[in-house]
Amino acid sequence: RALGTYEALINMADEVDVVYIATRHVYHRANTLLCLNGGLAVLCEKPFGMAIGEVNQMLNVAQARQTFLMEALSF
């Protein structure tokens, strides 16, 4: 099923096992945080974030929400 926004994806979180974030690097943090805060597990394409502070924020939210987060690498 195709969805137009990440917000639409959050609304069907109970039907989704994991989200693969492969947007432009500058959007990784925002898209990942939206999904994590919506209770969705995330595989985020590398680089995780544009700066270590972004990465730490993402890791902290995943830990606080007890939600899976992993950096992904596609070939």
C-alpha atoms as a PDB file:
ATOM      1  CA  ARG A   1       0.000   0.000   0.000  1.00  0.00           C
ATOM      2  CA  ALA A   2       1.319   3.449  -0.881  1.00  0.00           C
ATOM      3  CA  LEU A   3       1.032   6.280   1.630  1.00  0.00           C
ATOM      4  CA  GLY A   4       1.605   9.969   1.040  1.00  0.00           C
ATOM      5  CA  THR A   5       3.173  10.947   4.361  1.00  0.00           C
ATOM      6  CA  TYR A   6       4.939   9.561   7.392  1.00  0.00           C
ATOM      7  CA  GLU A   7       2.018  10.859   9.445  1.00  0.00           C
ATOM      8  CA  ALA A   8      -0.294   8.535   7.499  1.00  0.00           C
ATOM      9  CA  LEU A   9       2.083   5.702   8.297  1.00  0.00           C
ATOM     10  CA  ILE A  10       1.882   6.471  12.017  1.00  0.00           C
ATOM     11  CA  ASN A  11      -1.901   6.092  11.830  1.00  0.00           C
ATOM     12  CA  MET A  12      -1.488   2.476  10.751  1.00  0.00           C
ATOM     13  CA  ALA A  13       1.359   1.609  13.111  1.00  0.00           C
ATOM     14  CA  ASP A  14      -0.355  -1.573  14.279  1.00  0.00           C
ATOM     15  CA  GLU A  15      -0.041  -2.941  10.710  1.00  0.00           C
ATOM     16  CA  VAL A  16       3.660  -2.079  10.253  1.00  0.00           C
ATOM     17  CA  ASP A  17       6.631  -4.120  11.506  1.00  0.00           C
ATOM     18  CA  VAL A  18       9.432  -1.683  10.654  1.00  0.00           C
ATOM     19  CA  VAL A  19      10.010   1.515   8.690  1.00  0.00           C
ATOM     20  CA  TYR A  20      13.056   1.972   6.448  1.00  0.00           C
ATOM     21  CA  ILE A  21      14.078   5.640   6.334  1.00  0.00           C
ATOM     22  CA  ALA A  22      15.808   6.365   3.017  1.00  0.00           C
ATOM     23  CA  THR A  23      15.042  10.048   2.600  1.00  0.00           C
ATOM     24  CA  ARG A  24      17.691  12.717   2.061  1.00  0.00           C
ATOM     25  CA  HIS A  25      20.206  12.798   4.888  1.00  0.00           C
ATOM     26  CA  VAL A  26      18.964  16.122   6.247  1.00  0.00           C
ATOM     27  CA  TYR A  27      15.538  14.547   6.902  1.00  0.00           C
ATOM     28  CA  HIS A  28      16.747  11.393   8.676  1.00  0.00           C
ATOM     29  CA  ARG A  29      16.424  12.821  12.193  1.00  0.00           C
ATOM     30  CA  ALA A  30      12.949  14.291  11.724  1.00  0.00           C
ATOM     31  CA  ASN A  31      11.551  11.228   9.933  1.00  0.00           C
ATOM     32  CA  THR A  32      13.121   8.824  12.411  1.00  0.00           C
ATOM     33  CA  LEU A  33      11.867  10.745  15.448  1.00  0.00           C
ATOM     34  CA  LEU A  34       8.363  10.930  13.997  1.00  0.00           C
ATOM     35  CA  CYS A  35       8.297   7.161  13.521  1.00  0.00           C
ATOM     36  CA  LEU A  36       9.884   6.359  16.889  1.00  0.00           C
ATOM     37  CA  ASN A  37       7.453   8.646  18.696  1.00  0.00           C
ATOM     38  CA  GLY A  38       4.648   6.913  16.804  1.00  0.00           C
ATOM     39  CA  GLY A  39       5.812   3.560  18.165  1.00  0.00           C
ATOM     40  CA  LEU A  40       7.350   2.269  14.942  1.00  0.00           C
ATOM     41  CA  ALA A  41      10.621   0.356  14.745  1.00  0.00           C
ATOM     42  CA  VAL A  42      13.111   2.079  12.430  1.00  0.00           C
ATOM     43  CA  LEU A  43      15.951   1.143  10.116  1.00  0.00           C
ATOM     44  CA  CYS A  44      17.553   4.446   9.130  1.00  0.00           C
ATOM     45  CA  GLU A  45      19.809   4.621   6.084  1.00  0.00           C
ATOM     46  CA  LYS A  46      23.318   5.861   6.791  1.00  0.00           C
ATOM     47  CA  PRO A  47      24.313   8.382   7.862  1.00  0.00           C
ATOM     48  CA  PHE A  48      22.089   8.238  10.901  1.00  0.00           C
ATOM     49  CA  GLY A  49      22.176  12.000  11.327  1.00  0.00           C
ATOM     50  CA  MET A  50      24.053  15.068  10.218  1.00  0.00           C
ATOM     51  CA  ALA A  51      25.756  15.534  13.605  1.00  0.00           C
ATOM     52  CA  ILE A  52      26.396  13.483  16.726  1.00  0.00           C
ATOM     53  CA  GLY A  53      23.761  15.473  18.635  1.00  0.00           C
ATOM     54  CA  GLU A  54      21.084  14.318  16.194  1.00  0.00           C
ATOM     55  CA  VAL A  55      22.198  10.721  16.531  1.00  0.00           C
ATOM     56  CA  ASN A  56      22.181  10.925  20.325  1.00  0.00           C
ATOM     57  CA  GLN A  57      18.680  12.407  20.268  1.00  0.00           C
ATOM     58  CA  MET A  58      17.434   9.570  18.070  1.00  0.00           C
ATOM     59  CA  LEU A  59      19.070   6.953  20.285  1.00  0.00           C
ATOM     60  CA  ASN A  60      17.664   8.552  23.441  1.00  0.00           C
ATOM     61  CA  VAL A  61      14.124   8.587  22.053  1.00  0.00           C
ATOM     62  CA  ALA A  62      14.399   4.963  20.910  1.00  0.00           C
ATOM     63  CA  GLN A  63      15.630   3.932  24.341  1.00  0.00           C
ATOM     64  CA  ALA A  64      12.971   5.938  26.194  1.00  0.00           C
ATOM     65  CA  ARG A  65      10.207   4.512  23.969  1.00  0.00           C
ATOM     66  CA  GLN A  66      11.784   1.030  24.061  1.00  0.00           C
ATOM     67  CA  THR A  67      11.568   0.966  20.276  1.00  0.00           C
ATOM     68  CA  PHE A  68      13.990  -0.698  17.850  1.00  0.00           C
ATOM     69  CA  LEU A  69      16.372   1.631  15.993  1.00  0.00           C
ATOM     70  CA  MET A  70      19.254   0.585  13.774  1.00  0.00           C
ATOM     71  CA  GLU A  71      21.424   2.204  11.140  1.00  0.00           C
ATOM     72  CA  ALA A  72      20.931   0.535   7.778  1.00  0.00           C
ATOM     73  CA  LEU A  73      23.188   0.200   4.769  1.00  0.00           C
ATOM     74  CA  SER A  74      21.880  -0.661   1.349  1.00  0.00           C
ATOM     75  CA  PHE A  75      24.049  -1.987  -1.426  1.00  0.00           C
END
